[in-house]
Amino acid sequence: MVNSFFYFKGDMNTLIIHPADKKQLAALKGLMKAFKIPFEVVESAYDPEFVAKIKESREQVKRGETRVVSELDIKNIFIDKIEKGLKDVEEGKVFDFKEAKQKFFK
C-alpha cells in the first residue's frame, strides 16, 4: 500500500481511499481532476508533531536512553501525590474552580 490516502469530505460523507500502489494513486488523482472534484493527499493520518515525538522516542530507545520503572515506583509516585493533595486540603491550600481557572488558565 502507498503511504498516502485520499480524504474526501462532502456535504454528508467522508470517503477515505487507500491506494495499493503508485499506479492506483495516479489513477485516482487523474479521476478526481477530470471530474473537478477537490481532494487532498495526506501522507499520514497522524498529527506530524505526534509522529515526530514517536520517532524521537524510538531513537532514544536505540541510543539506550531509557529506564525501567517498576510497578512499585509508579505506585509510590501516585501515593506521594495523593498524600500531598490530602495534606494540602487539610491545610486549606485549595482553590475553588473559579479561582483555579483565573490562576491557571489566563
Foldseek 3Di string as FASTA:
>chain_A
DQLKWKWADDPPDIDIGDDPDVVVVVVVVVVCVVVVNDIDIDNDPDDPVVVVVVVVVVVCVVVVVDDDDDPVNVVVVVVVVVVVVVVCVVVVVDDDPVVCCVVPVD
